[in-house]
Amino acid sequence: MQGKKLTGILSLASIDGAVAIAAASGLFKPGNALMLAFCFLAGPAALLAAIMLDGGVRERMIAALFAGLIATIMIVVAAGFGPELLKFVDLRMIKIIGGLAVMVIGLLVMGIKIPSMVPAVMIIGGIMLSFGVKLFQ
């Protein structure tokens, strides 16, 4: 169970589009390897989660190793296919909807009563809307 949590946290960059945008802008070069590793694979939340895993040292190391391998594979796939998938959506629309979703998350963190699924619905709706805008351009 702990490995699943860590894998999810480590691979967030491949899911949220950050890797695709970085690959499309040309950041995936050997000279940027250290920066890419820290930004996309070992973010602060992932390192914190790895430290806080339950179990012995060996169990934590194995869970972190497998989570890191799975996350690395997901990031490589996202870097390869992401720029191709970005051709089907309007990035301006994604930026606007993403910014609104981040603001809603901020309101949730501040304790304002908003259904917790609103940011996810906004993001999914924004992706569908941006696909439609790109389709009819």
N, C-alpha and C. Protein backbone atom coordinates (compact mmCIF):
# COMPACT_ATOMS: atom_id res chain seq x y z
N MET A 1 0.83 -1.20 0.00
CA MET A 1 0.00 0.00 0.00
C MET A 1 0.87 1.26 0.00
N GLN A 2 1.96 1.24 0.77
CA GLN A 2 2.84 2.40 0.84
C GLN A 2 3.49 2.67 -0.51
N GLY A 3 3.85 1.60 -1.22
CA GLY A 3 4.46 1.77 -2.53
C GLY A 3 3.53 2.42 -3.52
N LYS A 4 2.24 2.12 -3.44
CA LYS A 4 1.26 2.72 -4.34
C LYS A 4 1.17 4.23 -4.12
N LYS A 5 1.17 4.63 -2.85
CA LYS A 5 1.11 6.06 -2.55
C LYS A 5 2.34 6.76 -3.10
N LEU A 6 3.50 6.18 -2.88
CA LEU A 6 4.74 6.79 -3.34
C LEU A 6 4.80 6.82 -4.86
N THR A 7 4.36 5.75 -5.51
CA THR A 7 4.35 5.73 -6.97
C THR A 7 3.45 6.83 -7.51
N GLY A 8 2.29 6.99 -6.91
CA GLY A 8 1.38 8.05 -7.34
C GLY A 8 1.98 9.42 -7.21
N ILE A 9 2.64 9.67 -6.09
CA ILE A 9 3.25 10.98 -5.86
C ILE A 9 4.42 11.20 -6.82
N LEU A 10 5.24 10.17 -7.00
CA LEU A 10 6.41 10.30 -7.88
C LEU A 10 6.03 10.50 -9.34
N SER A 11 4.90 9.94 -9.76
CA SER A 11 4.56 10.01 -11.17
C SER A 11 3.54 11.10 -11.50
N LEU A 12 3.26 11.99 -10.58
CA LEU A 12 2.30 13.07 -10.84
C LEU A 12 2.71 13.93 -12.04
N ALA A 13 4.00 14.16 -12.21
CA ALA A 13 4.44 15.00 -13.32
C ALA A 13 4.10 14.40 -14.67
N SER A 14 4.03 13.08 -14.76
CA SER A 14 3.68 12.45 -16.04
C SER A 14 2.19 12.54 -16.31
N ILE A 15 1.40 12.70 -15.26
CA ILE A 15 -0.05 12.74 -15.41
C ILE A 15 -0.56 14.15 -15.64
N ASP A 16 0.03 15.14 -14.98
CA ASP A 16 -0.51 16.50 -15.04
C ASP A 16 -0.07 17.31 -16.24
N GLY A 17 0.77 16.77 -17.09
CA GLY A 17 1.15 17.47 -18.31
C GLY A 17 2.45 18.23 -18.22
N ALA A 18 3.06 18.29 -17.05
CA ALA A 18 4.31 19.05 -16.90
C ALA A 18 5.42 18.45 -17.75
N VAL A 19 5.50 17.14 -17.80
CA VAL A 19 6.54 16.49 -18.60
C VAL A 19 6.31 16.73 -20.09
N ALA A 20 5.08 16.65 -20.53
CA ALA A 20 4.77 16.86 -21.94
C ALA A 20 5.15 18.28 -22.37
N ILE A 21 4.83 19.25 -21.54
CA ILE A 21 5.16 20.64 -21.87
C ILE A 21 6.67 20.85 -21.86
N ALA A 22 7.36 20.25 -20.90
CA ALA A 22 8.82 20.37 -20.84
C ALA A 22 9.46 19.71 -22.05
N ALA A 23 8.93 18.57 -22.47
CA ALA A 23 9.48 17.88 -23.65
C ALA A 23 9.20 18.69 -24.91
N ALA A 24 8.01 19.27 -25.01
CA ALA A 24 7.67 20.05 -26.19
C ALA A 24 8.51 21.32 -26.29
N SER A 25 8.95 21.86 -25.15
CA SER A 25 9.75 23.08 -25.17
C SER A 25 11.25 22.80 -25.26
N GLY A 26 11.64 21.54 -25.35
CA GLY A 26 13.03 21.20 -25.57
C GLY A 26 13.88 21.08 -24.32
N LEU A 27 13.29 20.89 -23.17
CA LEU A 27 14.07 20.78 -21.94
C LEU A 27 14.70 19.41 -21.73
N PHE A 28 14.24 18.39 -22.44
CA PHE A 28 14.76 17.04 -22.23
C PHE A 28 16.06 16.85 -23.02
N LYS A 29 17.15 17.32 -22.42
CA LYS A 29 18.48 17.20 -22.99
C LYS A 29 19.40 16.62 -21.92
N PRO A 30 20.48 15.94 -22.30
CA PRO A 30 21.36 15.34 -21.29
C PRO A 30 21.91 16.35 -20.28
N GLY A 31 22.14 17.57 -20.68
CA GLY A 31 22.66 18.57 -19.77
C GLY A 31 21.69 18.96 -18.67
N ASN A 32 20.42 18.71 -18.89
CA ASN A 32 19.39 19.05 -17.91
C ASN A 32 18.97 17.85 -17.06
N ALA A 33 19.72 16.77 -17.09
CA ALA A 33 19.30 15.54 -16.42
C ALA A 33 19.10 15.72 -14.92
N LEU A 34 20.02 16.41 -14.26
CA LEU A 34 19.91 16.58 -12.81
C LEU A 34 18.67 17.42 -12.46
N MET A 35 18.46 18.49 -13.21
CA MET A 35 17.28 19.33 -12.98
C MET A 35 16.00 18.55 -13.22
N LEU A 36 15.97 17.76 -14.26
CA LEU A 36 14.77 16.97 -14.57
C LEU A 36 14.51 15.93 -13.49
N ALA A 37 15.57 15.32 -12.98
CA ALA A 37 15.40 14.31 -11.93
C ALA A 37 14.78 14.92 -10.68
N PHE A 38 15.27 16.08 -10.27
CA PHE A 38 14.75 16.70 -9.06
C PHE A 38 13.36 17.29 -9.27
N CYS A 39 13.10 17.86 -10.43
CA CYS A 39 11.80 18.49 -10.66
C CYS A 39 10.69 17.47 -10.90
N PHE A 40 10.96 16.43 -11.67
CA PHE A 40 9.90 15.54 -12.09
C PHE A 40 9.85 14.23 -11.32
N LEU A 41 10.96 13.75 -10.82
CA LEU A 41 10.96 12.46 -10.13
C LEU A 41 11.03 12.58 -8.62
N ALA A 42 11.80 13.50 -8.13
CA ALA A 42 12.02 13.56 -6.69
C ALA A 42 11.62 14.91 -6.14
N GLY A 43 10.37 15.26 -6.34
CA GLY A 43 9.88 16.50 -5.78
C GLY A 43 9.83 16.43 -4.26
N PRO A 44 9.65 17.55 -3.62
CA PRO A 44 9.62 17.58 -2.15
C PRO A 44 8.57 16.65 -1.55
N ALA A 45 7.40 16.57 -2.15
CA ALA A 45 6.36 15.69 -1.60
C ALA A 45 6.76 14.23 -1.71
N ALA A 46 7.41 13.85 -2.80
CA ALA A 46 7.84 12.47 -2.96
C ALA A 46 8.93 12.11 -1.95
N LEU A 47 9.86 13.02 -1.74
CA LEU A 47 10.91 12.75 -0.75
C LEU A 47 10.32 12.65 0.65
N LEU A 48 9.38 13.52 0.96
CA LEU A 48 8.73 13.48 2.27
C LEU A 48 7.96 12.17 2.44
N ALA A 49 7.25 11.74 1.39
CA ALA A 49 6.51 10.48 1.47
C ALA A 49 7.46 9.30 1.66
N ALA A 50 8.60 9.32 0.99
CA ALA A 50 9.56 8.23 1.13
C ALA A 50 10.11 8.16 2.55
N ILE A 51 10.31 9.31 3.17
CA ILE A 51 10.81 9.34 4.54
C ILE A 51 9.76 8.82 5.51
N MET A 52 8.48 9.11 5.25
CA MET A 52 7.42 8.80 6.20
C MET A 52 6.80 7.42 5.99
N LEU A 53 7.31 6.62 5.07
CA LEU A 53 6.77 5.28 4.87
C LEU A 53 6.92 4.45 6.13
N ASP A 54 5.92 3.61 6.37
CA ASP A 54 6.00 2.70 7.52
C ASP A 54 6.84 1.48 7.15
N GLY A 55 7.39 0.83 8.15
CA GLY A 55 8.14 -0.39 7.92
C GLY A 55 9.62 -0.20 8.19
N GLY A 56 10.34 -1.31 8.00
CA GLY A 56 11.77 -1.29 8.23
C GLY A 56 12.51 -0.61 7.10
N VAL A 57 13.80 -0.46 7.29
CA VAL A 57 14.63 0.23 6.30
C VAL A 57 14.60 -0.52 4.97
N ARG A 58 14.72 -1.83 5.01
CA ARG A 58 14.73 -2.62 3.78
C ARG A 58 13.41 -2.48 3.03
N GLU A 59 12.31 -2.56 3.75
CA GLU A 59 10.99 -2.44 3.11
C GLU A 59 10.80 -1.06 2.49
N ARG A 60 11.25 -0.02 3.18
CA ARG A 60 11.13 1.33 2.64
C ARG A 60 11.99 1.51 1.40
N MET A 61 13.20 0.94 1.43
CA MET A 61 14.10 1.06 0.29
C MET A 61 13.52 0.34 -0.93
N ILE A 62 12.97 -0.85 -0.73
CA ILE A 62 12.40 -1.60 -1.85
C ILE A 62 11.17 -0.88 -2.40
N ALA A 63 10.31 -0.38 -1.52
CA ALA A 63 9.13 0.35 -1.97
C ALA A 63 9.53 1.60 -2.75
N ALA A 64 10.53 2.34 -2.25
CA ALA A 64 10.98 3.54 -2.94
C ALA A 64 11.62 3.19 -4.28
N LEU A 65 12.37 2.09 -4.34
CA LEU A 65 13.03 1.67 -5.58
C LEU A 65 11.99 1.34 -6.65
N PHE A 66 11.01 0.50 -6.30
CA PHE A 66 10.00 0.12 -7.29
C PHE A 66 9.13 1.31 -7.69
N ALA A 67 8.79 2.15 -6.72
CA ALA A 67 8.00 3.35 -7.03
C ALA A 67 8.78 4.26 -7.97
N GLY A 68 10.06 4.39 -7.73
CA GLY A 68 10.90 5.22 -8.60
C GLY A 68 11.01 4.66 -10.00
N LEU A 69 11.13 3.34 -10.12
CA LEU A 69 11.21 2.71 -11.45
C LEU A 69 9.90 2.90 -12.22
N ILE A 70 8.78 2.68 -11.55
CA ILE A 70 7.49 2.86 -12.22
C ILE A 70 7.30 4.31 -12.63
N ALA A 71 7.64 5.24 -11.73
CA ALA A 71 7.49 6.66 -12.05
C ALA A 71 8.41 7.05 -13.20
N THR A 72 9.63 6.51 -13.23
CA THR A 72 10.55 6.81 -14.33
C THR A 72 9.98 6.34 -15.66
N ILE A 73 9.42 5.16 -15.68
CA ILE A 73 8.81 4.65 -16.92
C ILE A 73 7.66 5.55 -17.35
N MET A 74 6.82 5.95 -16.39
CA MET A 74 5.70 6.82 -16.73
C MET A 74 6.17 8.17 -17.27
N ILE A 75 7.25 8.70 -16.70
CA ILE A 75 7.77 10.00 -17.15
C ILE A 75 8.38 9.87 -18.55
N VAL A 76 9.07 8.78 -18.81
CA VAL A 76 9.64 8.57 -20.14
C VAL A 76 8.53 8.46 -21.18
N VAL A 77 7.48 7.72 -20.86
CA VAL A 77 6.34 7.59 -21.79
C VAL A 77 5.68 8.95 -22.00
N ALA A 78 5.48 9.70 -20.92
CA ALA A 78 4.85 11.02 -21.04
C ALA A 78 5.72 11.97 -21.86
N ALA A 79 7.04 11.88 -21.70
CA ALA A 79 7.93 12.73 -22.48
C ALA A 79 7.91 12.35 -23.95
N GLY A 80 7.70 11.08 -24.24
CA GLY A 80 7.65 10.64 -25.63
C GLY A 80 6.33 10.95 -26.32
N PHE A 81 5.23 10.64 -25.65
CA PHE A 81 3.91 10.81 -26.27
C PHE A 81 3.26 12.15 -25.97
N GLY A 82 3.69 12.81 -24.90
CA GLY A 82 3.06 14.06 -24.48
C GLY A 82 3.03 15.15 -25.54
N PRO A 83 4.17 15.47 -26.16
CA PRO A 83 4.14 16.52 -27.18
C PRO A 83 3.20 16.18 -28.35
N GLU A 84 3.08 14.91 -28.69
CA GLU A 84 2.15 14.53 -29.75
C GLU A 84 0.70 14.73 -29.32
N LEU A 85 0.41 14.43 -28.05
CA LEU A 85 -0.95 14.61 -27.55
C LEU A 85 -1.31 16.07 -27.39
N LEU A 86 -0.31 16.93 -27.14
CA LEU A 86 -0.57 18.36 -26.99
C LEU A 86 -1.02 19.01 -28.29
N LYS A 87 -0.76 18.36 -29.41
CA LYS A 87 -1.19 18.90 -30.70
C LYS A 87 -2.71 18.89 -30.85
N PHE A 88 -3.39 18.09 -30.03
CA PHE A 88 -4.84 17.95 -30.14
C PHE A 88 -5.62 18.87 -29.21
N VAL A 89 -4.93 19.67 -28.40
CA VAL A 89 -5.63 20.56 -27.47
C VAL A 89 -5.13 21.99 -27.64
N ASP A 90 -5.98 22.94 -27.26
CA ASP A 90 -5.62 24.35 -27.29
C ASP A 90 -4.95 24.70 -25.96
N LEU A 91 -3.65 24.97 -25.99
CA LEU A 91 -2.90 25.19 -24.76
C LEU A 91 -3.33 26.46 -24.04
N ARG A 92 -3.78 27.47 -24.77
CA ARG A 92 -4.25 28.70 -24.10
C ARG A 92 -5.45 28.38 -23.21
N MET A 93 -6.36 27.56 -23.71
CA MET A 93 -7.53 27.19 -22.94
C MET A 93 -7.13 26.35 -21.72
N ILE A 94 -6.18 25.46 -21.89
CA ILE A 94 -5.70 24.62 -20.79
C ILE A 94 -5.08 25.50 -19.69
N LYS A 95 -4.32 26.52 -20.08
CA LYS A 95 -3.70 27.41 -19.10
C LYS A 95 -4.76 28.15 -18.29
N ILE A 96 -5.78 28.63 -18.95
CA ILE A 96 -6.84 29.38 -18.26
C ILE A 96 -7.59 28.47 -17.30
N ILE A 97 -8.03 27.32 -17.77
CA ILE A 97 -8.78 26.39 -16.93
C ILE A 97 -7.90 25.88 -15.79
N GLY A 98 -6.63 25.59 -16.09
CA GLY A 98 -5.71 25.13 -15.05
C GLY A 98 -5.51 26.19 -13.97
N GLY A 99 -5.39 27.44 -14.38
CA GLY A 99 -5.25 28.53 -13.41
C GLY A 99 -6.49 28.65 -12.53
N LEU A 100 -7.66 28.52 -13.13
CA LEU A 100 -8.90 28.57 -12.35
C LEU A 100 -8.98 27.40 -11.38
N ALA A 101 -8.55 26.22 -11.83
CA ALA A 101 -8.56 25.04 -10.96
C ALA A 101 -7.61 25.24 -9.77
N VAL A 102 -6.45 25.84 -10.02
CA VAL A 102 -5.50 26.10 -8.93
C VAL A 102 -6.10 27.10 -7.94
N MET A 103 -6.82 28.10 -8.45
CA MET A 103 -7.47 29.05 -7.55
C MET A 103 -8.54 28.37 -6.70
N VAL A 104 -9.30 27.45 -7.29
CA VAL A 104 -10.31 26.71 -6.53
C VAL A 104 -9.64 25.84 -5.47
N ILE A 105 -8.51 25.21 -5.81
CA ILE A 105 -7.78 24.42 -4.83
C ILE A 105 -7.31 25.32 -3.68
N GLY A 106 -6.87 26.53 -3.99
CA GLY A 106 -6.48 27.47 -2.96
C GLY A 106 -7.65 27.82 -2.04
N LEU A 107 -8.84 27.99 -2.63
CA LEU A 107 -10.03 28.26 -1.82
C LEU A 107 -10.36 27.08 -0.92
N LEU A 108 -10.19 25.87 -1.44
CA LEU A 108 -10.42 24.68 -0.62
C LEU A 108 -9.44 24.62 0.55
N VAL A 109 -8.19 24.94 0.28
CA VAL A 109 -7.17 24.91 1.32
C VAL A 109 -7.47 25.97 2.39
N MET A 110 -8.02 27.11 1.97
CA MET A 110 -8.37 28.16 2.93
C MET A 110 -9.60 27.80 3.75
N GLY A 111 -10.29 26.72 3.40
CA GLY A 111 -11.41 26.27 4.21
C GLY A 111 -12.77 26.72 3.70
N ILE A 112 -12.83 27.29 2.53
CA ILE A 112 -14.11 27.71 1.95
C ILE A 112 -14.84 26.46 1.47
N LYS A 113 -16.13 26.40 1.76
CA LYS A 113 -16.93 25.21 1.43
C LYS A 113 -17.18 25.13 -0.08
N ILE A 114 -16.44 24.26 -0.72
CA ILE A 114 -16.59 23.96 -2.15
C ILE A 114 -16.49 22.45 -2.26
N PRO A 115 -17.34 21.81 -3.07
CA PRO A 115 -17.19 20.36 -3.23
C PRO A 115 -15.77 20.00 -3.69
N SER A 116 -15.21 18.97 -3.10
CA SER A 116 -13.81 18.63 -3.36
C SER A 116 -13.55 18.14 -4.78
N MET A 117 -14.58 17.72 -5.49
CA MET A 117 -14.39 17.23 -6.86
C MET A 117 -14.39 18.36 -7.90
N VAL A 118 -14.66 19.59 -7.50
CA VAL A 118 -14.75 20.71 -8.45
C VAL A 118 -13.45 20.89 -9.25
N PRO A 119 -12.25 20.89 -8.62
CA PRO A 119 -11.04 21.05 -9.44
C PRO A 119 -10.87 19.95 -10.48
N ALA A 120 -11.14 18.70 -10.11
CA ALA A 120 -10.99 17.59 -11.07
C ALA A 120 -11.98 17.74 -12.22
N VAL A 121 -13.21 18.10 -11.90
CA VAL A 121 -14.23 18.30 -12.94
C VAL A 121 -13.83 19.47 -13.84
N MET A 122 -13.28 20.53 -13.25
CA MET A 122 -12.83 21.67 -14.05
C MET A 122 -11.72 21.27 -15.02
N ILE A 123 -10.78 20.49 -14.53
CA ILE A 123 -9.65 20.08 -15.38
C ILE A 123 -10.13 19.17 -16.50
N ILE A 124 -10.96 18.19 -16.19
CA ILE A 124 -11.47 17.28 -17.22
C ILE A 124 -12.32 18.06 -18.22
N GLY A 125 -13.18 18.94 -17.71
CA GLY A 125 -13.98 19.77 -18.60
C GLY A 125 -13.13 20.69 -19.45
N GLY A 126 -12.06 21.23 -18.87
CA GLY A 126 -11.15 22.10 -19.62
C GLY A 126 -10.44 21.36 -20.73
N ILE A 127 -10.04 20.13 -20.45
CA ILE A 127 -9.38 19.33 -21.50
C ILE A 127 -10.36 19.05 -22.64
N MET A 128 -11.59 18.69 -22.28
CA MET A 128 -12.59 18.44 -23.32
C MET A 128 -12.90 19.72 -24.10
N LEU A 129 -13.04 20.83 -23.41
CA LEU A 129 -13.31 22.11 -24.06
C LEU A 129 -12.16 22.52 -24.98
N SER A 130 -10.92 22.36 -24.51
CA SER A 130 -9.77 22.74 -25.33
C SER A 130 -9.63 21.81 -26.54
N PHE A 131 -10.02 20.56 -26.39
CA PHE A 131 -10.02 19.64 -27.53
C PHE A 131 -11.06 20.10 -28.55
N GLY A 132 -12.24 20.49 -28.06
CA GLY A 132 -13.28 20.97 -28.96
C GLY A 132 -12.88 22.25 -29.66
N VAL A 133 -12.24 23.18 -28.95
CA VAL A 133 -11.81 24.43 -29.55
C VAL A 133 -10.79 24.15 -30.64
N LYS A 134 -9.84 23.26 -30.37
CA LYS A 134 -8.80 22.91 -31.34
C LYS A 134 -9.40 22.17 -32.55
N LEU A 135 -10.42 21.37 -32.28
CA LEU A 135 -11.05 20.60 -33.35
C LEU A 135 -11.77 21.49 -34.35
N PHE A 136 -12.38 22.57 -33.84
CA PHE A 136 -13.16 23.43 -34.71
C PHE A 136 -12.41 24.67 -35.19
N GLN A 137 -11.09 24.72 -34.97
CA GLN A 137 -10.30 25.85 -35.48
C GLN A 137 -9.89 25.62 -36.90
